[in-house]
Amino acid sequence: MQTFIMLTRLSHSALQSPSSLENLEREVMERIEAECPEVKWLSSYAVLGPSDYLDIFTAPDNETATKVATVVRTFGHAETEVWGATEWKRFKELVRYLPPAKT
């Protein structure tokens, strides 16, 4: 499984009340579970900055991660950005034997 980071920015219309936000979250997650059962949600954070939320999940491939982002967008309240991610330990293994830069 591959790891993905998704940044989400909600529109102002989605933030009418705390309960509407919780309802939206529940509806989105139910839809993701139905459409992408192989996805495993690892963590979610509310963040400060240009995005409102950062989610970390695993999916078997880019296409499934794209489906997750699209499901979030279909509710009409969000913009998403998805990045592929490699754990630091695995990244070090991948690059350890690369040749040095030519000077």
PDB file of N, CA and C in Angstrom:
ATOM      1  N   MET A   1       0.849  -1.186   0.000  1.00  0.00           N
ATOM      2  CA  MET A   1       0.000   0.000   0.000  1.00  0.00           C
ATOM      3  C   MET A   1       0.890   1.244   0.000  1.00  0.00           C
ATOM      4  N   GLN A   2       0.454   2.235  -0.697  1.00  0.00           N
ATOM      5  CA  GLN A   2       1.162   3.504  -0.763  1.00  0.00           C
ATOM      6  C   GLN A   2       0.540   4.485   0.238  1.00  0.00           C
ATOM      7  N   THR A   3       1.361   5.399   0.723  1.00  0.00           N
ATOM      8  CA  THR A   3       0.888   6.415   1.658  1.00  0.00           C
ATOM      9  C   THR A   3       0.631   7.709   0.900  1.00  0.00           C
ATOM     10  N   PHE A   4      -0.458   8.371   1.257  1.00  0.00           N
ATOM     11  CA  PHE A   4      -0.831   9.640   0.641  1.00  0.00           C
ATOM     12  C   PHE A   4      -1.172  10.666   1.706  1.00  0.00           C
ATOM     13  N   ILE A   5      -0.839  11.908   1.399  1.00  0.00           N
ATOM     14  CA  ILE A   5      -1.188  13.051   2.233  1.00  0.00           C
ATOM     15  C   ILE A   5      -2.218  13.858   1.449  1.00  0.00           C
ATOM     16  N   MET A   6      -3.331  14.188   2.074  1.00  0.00           N
ATOM     17  CA  MET A   6      -4.333  15.004   1.393  1.00  0.00           C
ATOM     18  C   MET A   6      -4.583  16.273   2.206  1.00  0.00           C
ATOM     19  N   LEU A   7      -4.408  17.401   1.546  1.00  0.00           N
ATOM     20  CA  LEU A   7      -4.748  18.693   2.139  1.00  0.00           C
ATOM     21  C   LEU A   7      -6.124  19.088   1.632  1.00  0.00           C
ATOM     22  N   THR A   8      -6.974  19.557   2.524  1.00  0.00           N
ATOM     23  CA  THR A   8      -8.328  19.946   2.147  1.00  0.00           C
ATOM     24  C   THR A   8      -8.604  21.349   2.653  1.00  0.00           C
ATOM     25  N   ARG A   9      -9.192  22.130   1.774  1.00  0.00           N
ATOM     26  CA  ARG A   9      -9.629  23.475   2.143  1.00  0.00           C
ATOM     27  C   ARG A   9     -11.133  23.539   1.918  1.00  0.00           C
ATOM     28  N   LEU A  10     -11.864  23.818   2.990  1.00  0.00           N
ATOM     29  CA  LEU A  10     -13.315  23.893   2.895  1.00  0.00           C
ATOM     30  C   LEU A  10     -13.762  25.267   2.419  1.00  0.00           C
ATOM     31  N   SER A  11     -14.870  25.284   1.701  1.00  0.00           N
ATOM     32  CA  SER A  11     -15.453  26.568   1.309  1.00  0.00           C
ATOM     33  C   SER A  11     -16.154  27.166   2.533  1.00  0.00           C
ATOM     34  N   HIS A  12     -16.403  28.445   2.490  1.00  0.00           N
ATOM     35  CA  HIS A  12     -17.069  29.109   3.618  1.00  0.00           C
ATOM     36  C   HIS A  12     -18.474  28.568   3.846  1.00  0.00           C
ATOM     37  N   SER A  13     -19.125  28.120   2.783  1.00  0.00           N
ATOM     38  CA  SER A  13     -20.488  27.593   2.928  1.00  0.00           C
ATOM     39  C   SER A  13     -20.530  26.282   3.706  1.00  0.00           C
ATOM     40  N   ALA A  14     -19.409  25.585   3.795  1.00  0.00           N
ATOM     41  CA  ALA A  14     -19.372  24.313   4.525  1.00  0.00           C
ATOM     42  C   ALA A  14     -19.256  24.528   6.023  1.00  0.00           C
ATOM     43  N   LEU A  15     -18.900  25.717   6.432  1.00  0.00           N
ATOM     44  CA  LEU A  15     -18.622  25.981   7.838  1.00  0.00           C
ATOM     45  C   LEU A  15     -19.732  26.766   8.518  1.00  0.00           C
ATOM     46  N   GLN A  16     -20.977  26.379   8.294  1.00  0.00           N
ATOM     47  CA  GLN A  16     -22.096  27.093   8.875  1.00  0.00           C
ATOM     48  C   GLN A  16     -22.232  26.871  10.375  1.00  0.00           C
ATOM     49  N   SER A  17     -21.880  25.679  10.844  1.00  0.00           N
ATOM     50  CA  SER A  17     -21.940  25.377  12.269  1.00  0.00           C
ATOM     51  C   SER A  17     -21.062  24.168  12.554  1.00  0.00           C
ATOM     52  N   PRO A  18     -20.638  24.012  13.815  1.00  0.00           N
ATOM     53  CA  PRO A  18     -19.833  22.822  14.141  1.00  0.00           C
ATOM     54  C   PRO A  18     -20.565  21.512  13.835  1.00  0.00           C
ATOM     55  N   SER A  19     -21.879  21.480  14.060  1.00  0.00           N
ATOM     56  CA  SER A  19     -22.601  20.232  13.791  1.00  0.00           C
ATOM     57  C   SER A  19     -22.671  19.948  12.295  1.00  0.00           C
ATOM     58  N   SER A  20     -22.775  20.981  11.455  1.00  0.00           N
ATOM     59  CA  SER A  20     -22.792  20.732  10.010  1.00  0.00           C
ATOM     60  C   SER A  20     -21.445  20.194   9.542  1.00  0.00           C
ATOM     61  N   LEU A  21     -20.382  20.628  10.173  1.00  0.00           N
ATOM     62  CA  LEU A  21     -19.052  20.129   9.844  1.00  0.00           C
ATOM     63  C   LEU A  21     -18.928  18.652  10.207  1.00  0.00           C
ATOM     64  N   GLU A  22     -19.441  18.280  11.367  1.00  0.00           N
ATOM     65  CA  GLU A  22     -19.402  16.873  11.779  1.00  0.00           C
ATOM     66  C   GLU A  22     -20.264  16.008  10.861  1.00  0.00           C
ATOM     67  N   ASN A  23     -21.421  16.520  10.456  1.00  0.00           N
ATOM     68  CA  ASN A  23     -22.280  15.770   9.533  1.00  0.00           C
ATOM     69  C   ASN A  23     -21.596  15.582   8.183  1.00  0.00           C
ATOM     70  N   LEU A  24     -20.958  16.633   7.681  1.00  0.00           N
ATOM     71  CA  LEU A  24     -20.239  16.552   6.415  1.00  0.00           C
ATOM     72  C   LEU A  24     -19.120  15.515   6.506  1.00  0.00           C
ATOM     73  N   GLU A  25     -18.370  15.539   7.594  1.00  0.00           N
ATOM     74  CA  GLU A  25     -17.294  14.565   7.789  1.00  0.00           C
ATOM     75  C   GLU A  25     -17.841  13.140   7.752  1.00  0.00           C
ATOM     76  N   ARG A  26     -18.926  12.897   8.465  1.00  0.00           N
ATOM     77  CA  ARG A  26     -19.510  11.554   8.520  1.00  0.00           C
ATOM     78  C   ARG A  26     -19.962  11.099   7.126  1.00  0.00           C
ATOM     79  N   GLU A  27     -20.638  11.989   6.391  1.00  0.00           N
ATOM     80  CA  GLU A  27     -21.118  11.645   5.060  1.00  0.00           C
ATOM     81  C   GLU A  27     -19.957  11.344   4.106  1.00  0.00           C
ATOM     82  N   VAL A  28     -18.917  12.162   4.165  1.00  0.00           N
ATOM     83  CA  VAL A  28     -17.756  11.954   3.296  1.00  0.00           C
ATOM     84  C   VAL A  28     -17.080  10.624   3.618  1.00  0.00           C
ATOM     85  N   MET A  29     -16.860  10.352   4.897  1.00  0.00           N
ATOM     86  CA  MET A  29     -16.181   9.110   5.276  1.00  0.00           C
ATOM     87  C   MET A  29     -17.015   7.883   4.914  1.00  0.00           C
ATOM     88  N   GLU A  30     -18.328   7.953   5.074  1.00  0.00           N
ATOM     89  CA  GLU A  30     -19.177   6.828   4.685  1.00  0.00           C
ATOM     90  C   GLU A  30     -19.071   6.574   3.185  1.00  0.00           C
ATOM     91  N   ARG A  31     -19.016   7.632   2.408  1.00  0.00           N
ATOM     92  CA  ARG A  31     -18.910   7.493   0.953  1.00  0.00           C
ATOM     93  C   ARG A  31     -17.547   6.928   0.555  1.00  0.00           C
ATOM     94  N   ILE A  32     -16.479   7.407   1.210  1.00  0.00           N
ATOM     95  CA  ILE A  32     -15.144   6.882   0.913  1.00  0.00           C
ATOM     96  C   ILE A  32     -15.074   5.393   1.254  1.00  0.00           C
ATOM     97  N   GLU A  33     -15.623   5.010   2.405  1.00  0.00           N
ATOM     98  CA  GLU A  33     -15.620   3.599   2.792  1.00  0.00           C
ATOM     99  C   GLU A  33     -16.389   2.744   1.785  1.00  0.00           C
ATOM    100  N   ALA A  34     -17.487   3.275   1.254  1.00  0.00           N
ATOM    101  CA  ALA A  34     -18.288   2.522   0.281  1.00  0.00           C
ATOM    102  C   ALA A  34     -17.596   2.430  -1.079  1.00  0.00           C
ATOM    103  N   GLU A  35     -16.991   3.530  -1.526  1.00  0.00           N
ATOM    104  CA  GLU A  35     -16.393   3.583  -2.859  1.00  0.00           C
ATOM    105  C   GLU A  35     -14.957   3.063  -2.903  1.00  0.00           C
ATOM    106  N   CYS A  36     -14.253   3.156  -1.781  1.00  0.00           N
ATOM    107  CA  CYS A  36     -12.828   2.787  -1.728  1.00  0.00           C
ATOM    108  C   CYS A  36     -12.562   1.961  -0.472  1.00  0.00           C
ATOM    109  N   PRO A  37     -13.123   0.757  -0.372  1.00  0.00           N
ATOM    110  CA  PRO A  37     -12.993  -0.019   0.863  1.00  0.00           C
ATOM    111  C   PRO A  37     -11.559  -0.409   1.211  1.00  0.00           C
ATOM    112  N   GLU A  38     -10.663  -0.385   0.225  1.00  0.00           N
ATOM    113  CA  GLU A  38      -9.281  -0.762   0.474  1.00  0.00           C
ATOM    114  C   GLU A  38      -8.462   0.352   1.113  1.00  0.00           C
ATOM    115  N   VAL A  39      -9.026   1.554   1.181  1.00  0.00           N
ATOM    116  CA  VAL A  39      -8.320   2.695   1.768  1.00  0.00           C
ATOM    117  C   VAL A  39      -8.333   2.573   3.283  1.00  0.00           C
ATOM    118  N   LYS A  40      -7.186   2.844   3.889  1.00  0.00           N
ATOM    119  CA  LYS A  40      -7.081   2.836   5.354  1.00  0.00           C
ATOM    120  C   LYS A  40      -6.703   4.248   5.804  1.00  0.00           C
ATOM    121  N   TRP A  41      -7.538   4.838   6.634  1.00  0.00           N
ATOM    122  CA  TRP A  41      -7.280   6.178   7.163  1.00  0.00           C
ATOM    123  C   TRP A  41      -6.312   6.057   8.326  1.00  0.00           C
ATOM    124  N   LEU A  42      -5.191   6.756   8.259  1.00  0.00           N
ATOM    125  CA  LEU A  42      -4.186   6.676   9.309  1.00  0.00           C
ATOM    126  C   LEU A  42      -4.294   7.800  10.321  1.00  0.00           C
ATOM    127  N   SER A  43      -4.575   9.015   9.836  1.00  0.00           N
ATOM    128  CA  SER A  43      -4.590  10.152  10.745  1.00  0.00           C
ATOM    129  C   SER A  43      -5.248  11.350  10.085  1.00  0.00           C
ATOM    130  N   SER A  44      -5.818  12.218  10.892  1.00  0.00           N
ATOM    131  CA  SER A  44      -6.420  13.466  10.414  1.00  0.00           C
ATOM    132  C   SER A  44      -6.066  14.584  11.371  1.00  0.00           C
ATOM    133  N   TYR A  45      -5.781  15.754  10.794  1.00  0.00           N
ATOM    134  CA  TYR A  45      -5.409  16.914  11.599  1.00  0.00           C
ATOM    135  C   TYR A  45      -6.114  18.152  11.071  1.00  0.00           C
ATOM    136  N   ALA A  46      -6.551  19.010  11.965  1.00  0.00           N
ATOM    137  CA  ALA A  46      -6.940  20.365  11.599  1.00  0.00           C
ATOM    138  C   ALA A  46      -5.638  21.162  11.619  1.00  0.00           C
ATOM    139  N   VAL A  47      -5.415  21.975  10.585  1.00  0.00           N
ATOM    140  CA  VAL A  47      -4.146  22.693  10.488  1.00  0.00           C
ATOM    141  C   VAL A  47      -4.389  24.188  10.279  1.00  0.00           C
ATOM    142  N   LEU A  48      -3.398  24.958  10.637  1.00  0.00           N
ATOM    143  CA  LEU A  48      -3.405  26.394  10.397  1.00  0.00           C
ATOM    144  C   LEU A  48      -2.696  26.642   9.074  1.00  0.00           C
ATOM    145  N   GLY A  49      -3.142  27.589   8.315  1.00  0.00           N
ATOM    146  CA  GLY A  49      -2.512  27.888   7.037  1.00  0.00           C
ATOM    147  C   GLY A  49      -3.544  27.910   5.930  1.00  0.00           C
ATOM    148  N   PRO A  50      -3.103  27.772   4.681  1.00  0.00           N
ATOM    149  CA  PRO A  50      -4.037  27.859   3.557  1.00  0.00           C
ATOM    150  C   PRO A  50      -5.008  26.677   3.485  1.00  0.00           C
ATOM    151  N   SER A  51      -4.687  25.556   4.094  1.00  0.00           N
ATOM    152  CA  SER A  51      -5.591  24.402   4.137  1.00  0.00           C
ATOM    153  C   SER A  51      -6.200  24.304   5.524  1.00  0.00           C
ATOM    154  N   ASP A  52      -7.345  23.626   5.590  1.00  0.00           N
ATOM    155  CA  ASP A  52      -8.029  23.439   6.874  1.00  0.00           C
ATOM    156  C   ASP A  52      -7.685  22.105   7.524  1.00  0.00           C
ATOM    157  N   TYR A  53      -7.448  21.087   6.667  1.00  0.00           N
ATOM    158  CA  TYR A  53      -7.219  19.740   7.191  1.00  0.00           C
ATOM    159  C   TYR A  53      -6.097  19.043   6.440  1.00  0.00           C
ATOM    160  N   LEU A  54      -5.431  18.150   7.152  1.00  0.00           N
ATOM    161  CA  LEU A  54      -4.412  17.287   6.570  1.00  0.00           C
ATOM    162  C   LEU A  54      -4.785  15.868   6.967  1.00  0.00           C
ATOM    163  N   ASP A  55      -4.961  15.022   5.973  1.00  0.00           N
ATOM    164  CA  ASP A  55      -5.292  13.621   6.218  1.00  0.00           C
ATOM    165  C   ASP A  55      -4.198  12.737   5.662  1.00  0.00           C
ATOM    166  N   ILE A  56      -3.921  11.646   6.355  1.00  0.00           N
ATOM    167  CA  ILE A  56      -2.934  10.671   5.920  1.00  0.00           C
ATOM    168  C   ILE A  56      -3.662   9.338   5.774  1.00  0.00           C
ATOM    169  N   PHE A  57      -3.527   8.731   4.599  1.00  0.00           N
ATOM    170  CA  PHE A  57      -4.189   7.455   4.354  1.00  0.00           C
ATOM    171  C   PHE A  57      -3.331   6.596   3.445  1.00  0.00           C
ATOM    172  N   THR A  58      -3.615   5.306   3.433  1.00  0.00           N
ATOM    173  CA  THR A  58      -2.953   4.405   2.496  1.00  0.00           C
ATOM    174  C   THR A  58      -3.979   3.941   1.470  1.00  0.00           C
ATOM    175  N   ALA A  59      -3.472   3.715   0.266  1.00  0.00           N
ATOM    176  CA  ALA A  59      -4.295   3.226  -0.836  1.00  0.00           C
ATOM    177  C   ALA A  59      -3.405   2.373  -1.725  1.00  0.00           C
ATOM    178  N   PRO A  60      -3.991   1.461  -2.488  1.00  0.00           N
ATOM    179  CA  PRO A  60      -3.168   0.583  -3.307  1.00  0.00           C
ATOM    180  C   PRO A  60      -2.478   1.277  -4.479  1.00  0.00           C
ATOM    181  N   ASP A  61      -3.020   2.436  -4.917  1.00  0.00           N
ATOM    182  CA  ASP A  61      -2.442   3.079  -6.097  1.00  0.00           C
ATOM    183  C   ASP A  61      -2.919   4.524  -6.214  1.00  0.00           C
ATOM    184  N   ASN A  62      -2.357   5.236  -7.195  1.00  0.00           N
ATOM    185  CA  ASN A  62      -2.717   6.638  -7.430  1.00  0.00           C
ATOM    186  C   ASN A  62      -4.187   6.790  -7.812  1.00  0.00           C
ATOM    187  N   GLU A  63      -4.701   5.840  -8.583  1.00  0.00           N
ATOM    188  CA  GLU A  63      -6.090   5.938  -9.015  1.00  0.00           C
ATOM    189  C   GLU A  63      -7.046   5.920  -7.827  1.00  0.00           C
ATOM    190  N   THR A  64      -6.773   5.086  -6.852  1.00  0.00           N
ATOM    191  CA  THR A  64      -7.632   5.026  -5.668  1.00  0.00           C
ATOM    192  C   THR A  64      -7.509   6.309  -4.856  1.00  0.00           C
ATOM    193  N   ALA A  65      -6.297   6.841  -4.727  1.00  0.00           N
ATOM    194  CA  ALA A  65      -6.117   8.115  -4.030  1.00  0.00           C
ATOM    195  C   ALA A  65      -6.864   9.231  -4.749  1.00  0.00           C
ATOM    196  N   THR A  66      -6.879   9.176  -6.067  1.00  0.00           N
ATOM    197  CA  THR A  66      -7.621  10.159  -6.851  1.00  0.00           C
ATOM    198  C   THR A  66      -9.122  10.039  -6.577  1.00  0.00           C
ATOM    199  N   LYS A  67      -9.607   8.808  -6.448  1.00  0.00           N
ATOM    200  CA  LYS A  67     -11.020   8.607  -6.117  1.00  0.00           C
ATOM    201  C   LYS A  67     -11.357   9.216  -4.771  1.00  0.00           C
ATOM    202  N   VAL A  68     -10.463   9.049  -3.792  1.00  0.00           N
ATOM    203  CA  VAL A  68     -10.698   9.625  -2.465  1.00  0.00           C
ATOM    204  C   VAL A  68     -10.845  11.141  -2.577  1.00  0.00           C
ATOM    205  N   ALA A  69      -9.904  11.780  -3.257  1.00  0.00           N
ATOM    206  CA  ALA A  69      -9.958  13.237  -3.408  1.00  0.00           C
ATOM    207  C   ALA A  69     -11.210  13.665  -4.157  1.00  0.00           C
ATOM    208  N   THR A  70     -11.600  12.900  -5.155  1.00  0.00           N
ATOM    209  CA  THR A  70     -12.787  13.227  -5.932  1.00  0.00           C
ATOM    210  C   THR A  70     -14.051  13.087  -5.100  1.00  0.00           C
ATOM    211  N   VAL A  71     -14.118  12.056  -4.282  1.00  0.00           N
ATOM    212  CA  VAL A  71     -15.269  11.896  -3.392  1.00  0.00           C
ATOM    213  C   VAL A  71     -15.402  13.122  -2.496  1.00  0.00           C
ATOM    214  N   VAL A  72     -14.293  13.573  -1.920  1.00  0.00           N
ATOM    215  CA  VAL A  72     -14.333  14.756  -1.061  1.00  0.00           C
ATOM    216  C   VAL A  72     -14.866  15.952  -1.851  1.00  0.00           C
ATOM    217  N   ARG A  73     -14.393  16.116  -3.069  1.00  0.00           N
ATOM    218  CA  ARG A  73     -14.815  17.258  -3.897  1.00  0.00           C
ATOM    219  C   ARG A  73     -16.267  17.173  -4.346  1.00  0.00           C
ATOM    220  N   THR A  74     -16.800  15.955  -4.526  1.00  0.00           N
ATOM    221  CA  THR A  74     -18.166  15.829  -5.034  1.00  0.00           C
ATOM    222  C   THR A  74     -19.205  16.384  -4.069  1.00  0.00           C
ATOM    223  N   PHE A  75     -18.829  16.547  -2.826  1.00  0.00           N
ATOM    224  CA  PHE A  75     -19.766  17.139  -1.878  1.00  0.00           C
ATOM    225  C   PHE A  75     -19.869  18.648  -2.078  1.00  0.00           C
ATOM    226  N   GLY A  76     -19.029  19.208  -2.958  1.00  0.00           N
ATOM    227  CA  GLY A  76     -19.141  20.604  -3.346  1.00  0.00           C
ATOM    228  C   GLY A  76     -18.687  21.611  -2.319  1.00  0.00           C
ATOM    229  N   HIS A  77     -17.953  21.163  -1.319  1.00  0.00           N
ATOM    230  CA  HIS A  77     -17.552  22.067  -0.246  1.00  0.00           C
ATOM    231  C   HIS A  77     -16.043  22.188  -0.075  1.00  0.00           C
ATOM    232  N   ALA A  78     -15.256  21.559  -0.953  1.00  0.00           N
ATOM    233  CA  ALA A  78     -13.827  21.498  -0.667  1.00  0.00           C
ATOM    234  C   ALA A  78     -12.969  21.496  -1.928  1.00  0.00           C
ATOM    235  N   GLU A  79     -11.751  21.941  -1.726  1.00  0.00           N
ATOM    236  CA  GLU A  79     -10.677  21.770  -2.695  1.00  0.00           C
ATOM    237  C   GLU A  79      -9.678  20.837  -2.050  1.00  0.00           C
ATOM    238  N   THR A  80      -9.101  19.937  -2.833  1.00  0.00           N
ATOM    239  CA  THR A  80      -8.138  18.984  -2.273  1.00  0.00           C
ATOM    240  C   THR A  80      -6.840  19.015  -3.054  1.00  0.00           C
ATOM    241  N   GLU A  81      -5.804  18.584  -2.365  1.00  0.00           N
ATOM    242  CA  GLU A  81      -4.481  18.416  -2.961  1.00  0.00           C
ATOM    243  C   GLU A  81      -3.924  17.125  -2.374  1.00  0.00           C
ATOM    244  N   VAL A  82      -3.499  16.203  -3.226  1.00  0.00           N
ATOM    245  CA  VAL A  82      -3.017  14.904  -2.755  1.00  0.00           C
ATOM    246  C   VAL A  82      -1.558  14.736  -3.149  1.00  0.00           C
ATOM    247  N   TRP A  83      -0.759  14.304  -2.195  1.00  0.00           N
ATOM    248  CA  TRP A  83       0.661  14.049  -2.427  1.00  0.00           C
ATOM    249  C   TRP A  83       0.974  12.603  -2.066  1.00  0.00           C
ATOM    250  N   GLY A  84       1.797  11.966  -2.900  1.00  0.00           N
ATOM    251  CA  GLY A  84       2.343  10.665  -2.530  1.00  0.00           C
ATOM    252  C   GLY A  84       3.427  10.889  -1.479  1.00  0.00           C
ATOM    253  N   ALA A  85       3.569   9.970  -0.556  1.00  0.00           N
ATOM    254  CA  ALA A  85       4.554  10.130   0.521  1.00  0.00           C
ATOM    255  C   ALA A  85       5.317   8.829   0.736  1.00  0.00           C
ATOM    256  N   THR A  86       6.580   8.975   1.119  1.00  0.00           N
ATOM    257  CA  THR A  86       7.431   7.830   1.451  1.00  0.00           C
ATOM    258  C   THR A  86       7.938   8.028   2.864  1.00  0.00           C
ATOM    259  N   GLU A  87       7.803   7.004   3.696  1.00  0.00           N
ATOM    260  CA  GLU A  87       8.315   7.102   5.067  1.00  0.00           C
ATOM    261  C   GLU A  87       9.807   7.358   5.023  1.00  0.00           C
ATOM    262  N   TRP A  88      10.300   8.126   5.975  1.00  0.00           N
ATOM    263  CA  TRP A  88      11.694   8.559   5.988  1.00  0.00           C
ATOM    264  C   TRP A  88      12.658   7.376   5.955  1.00  0.00           C
ATOM    265  N   LYS A  89      12.387   6.358   6.746  1.00  0.00           N
ATOM    266  CA  LYS A  89      13.278   5.189   6.783  1.00  0.00           C
ATOM    267  C   LYS A  89      13.355   4.538   5.398  1.00  0.00           C
ATOM    268  N   ARG A  90      12.231   4.380   4.734  1.00  0.00           N
ATOM    269  CA  ARG A  90      12.210   3.782   3.396  1.00  0.00           C
ATOM    270  C   ARG A  90      12.904   4.683   2.384  1.00  0.00           C
ATOM    271  N   PHE A  91      12.710   5.999   2.493  1.00  0.00           N
ATOM    272  CA  PHE A  91      13.369   6.951   1.609  1.00  0.00           C
ATOM    273  C   PHE A  91      14.881   6.814   1.704  1.00  0.00           C
ATOM    274  N   LYS A  92      15.401   6.706   2.921  1.00  0.00           N
ATOM    275  CA  LYS A  92      16.853   6.557   3.094  1.00  0.00           C
ATOM    276  C   LYS A  92      17.353   5.278   2.432  1.00  0.00           C
ATOM    277  N   GLU A  93      16.573   4.198   2.527  1.00  0.00           N
ATOM    278  CA  GLU A  93      16.952   2.952   1.869  1.00  0.00           C
ATOM    279  C   GLU A  93      16.979   3.116   0.350  1.00  0.00           C
ATOM    280  N   LEU A  94      16.020   3.845  -0.179  1.00  0.00           N
ATOM    281  CA  LEU A  94      15.938   4.043  -1.632  1.00  0.00           C
ATOM    282  C   LEU A  94      17.101   4.850  -2.186  1.00  0.00           C
ATOM    283  N   VAL A  95      17.553   5.845  -1.439  1.00  0.00           N
ATOM    284  CA  VAL A  95      18.569   6.756  -1.972  1.00  0.00           C
ATOM    285  C   VAL A  95      19.986   6.444  -1.503  1.00  0.00           C
ATOM    286  N   ARG A  96      20.135   5.539  -0.577  1.00  0.00           N
ATOM    287  CA  ARG A  96      21.438   5.254   0.021  1.00  0.00           C
ATOM    288  C   ARG A  96      22.524   4.973  -1.013  1.00  0.00           C
ATOM    289  N   TYR A  97      22.223   4.257  -2.069  1.00  0.00           N
ATOM    290  CA  TYR A  97      23.246   3.824  -3.014  1.00  0.00           C
ATOM    291  C   TYR A  97      23.196   4.579  -4.346  1.00  0.00           C
ATOM    292  N   LEU A  98      22.503   5.699  -4.353  1.00  0.00           N
ATOM    293  CA  LEU A  98      22.545   6.524  -5.556  1.00  0.00           C
ATOM    294  C   LEU A  98      23.932   7.111  -5.722  1.00  0.00           C
ATOM    295  N   PRO A  99      24.395   7.296  -6.945  1.00  0.00           N
ATOM    296  CA  PRO A  99      25.721   7.868  -7.124  1.00  0.00           C
ATOM    297  C   PRO A  99      25.725   9.332  -6.679  1.00  0.00           C
ATOM    298  N   PRO A 100      26.893   9.827  -6.237  1.00  0.00           N
ATOM    299  CA  PRO A 100      26.981  11.225  -5.818  1.00  0.00           C
ATOM    300  C   PRO A 100      26.769  12.171  -7.002  1.00  0.00           C
ATOM    301  N   ALA A 101      26.404  13.393  -6.706  1.00  0.00           N
ATOM    302  CA  ALA A 101      26.219  14.402  -7.743  1.00  0.00           C
ATOM    303  C   ALA A 101      27.578  14.702  -8.395  1.00  0.00           C
ATOM    304  N   LYS A 102      27.539  14.937  -9.693  1.00  0.00           N
ATOM    305  CA  LYS A 102      28.778  15.284 -10.407  1.00  0.00           C
ATOM    306  C   LYS A 102      29.066  16.760 -10.176  1.00  0.00           C
ATOM    307  N   THR A 103      30.322  17.045  -9.919  1.00  0.00           N
ATOM    308  CA  THR A 103      30.704  18.454  -9.706  1.00  0.00           C
ATOM    309  C   THR A 103      31.493  18.994 -10.849  1.00  0.00           C
TER     310      THR A 103
END
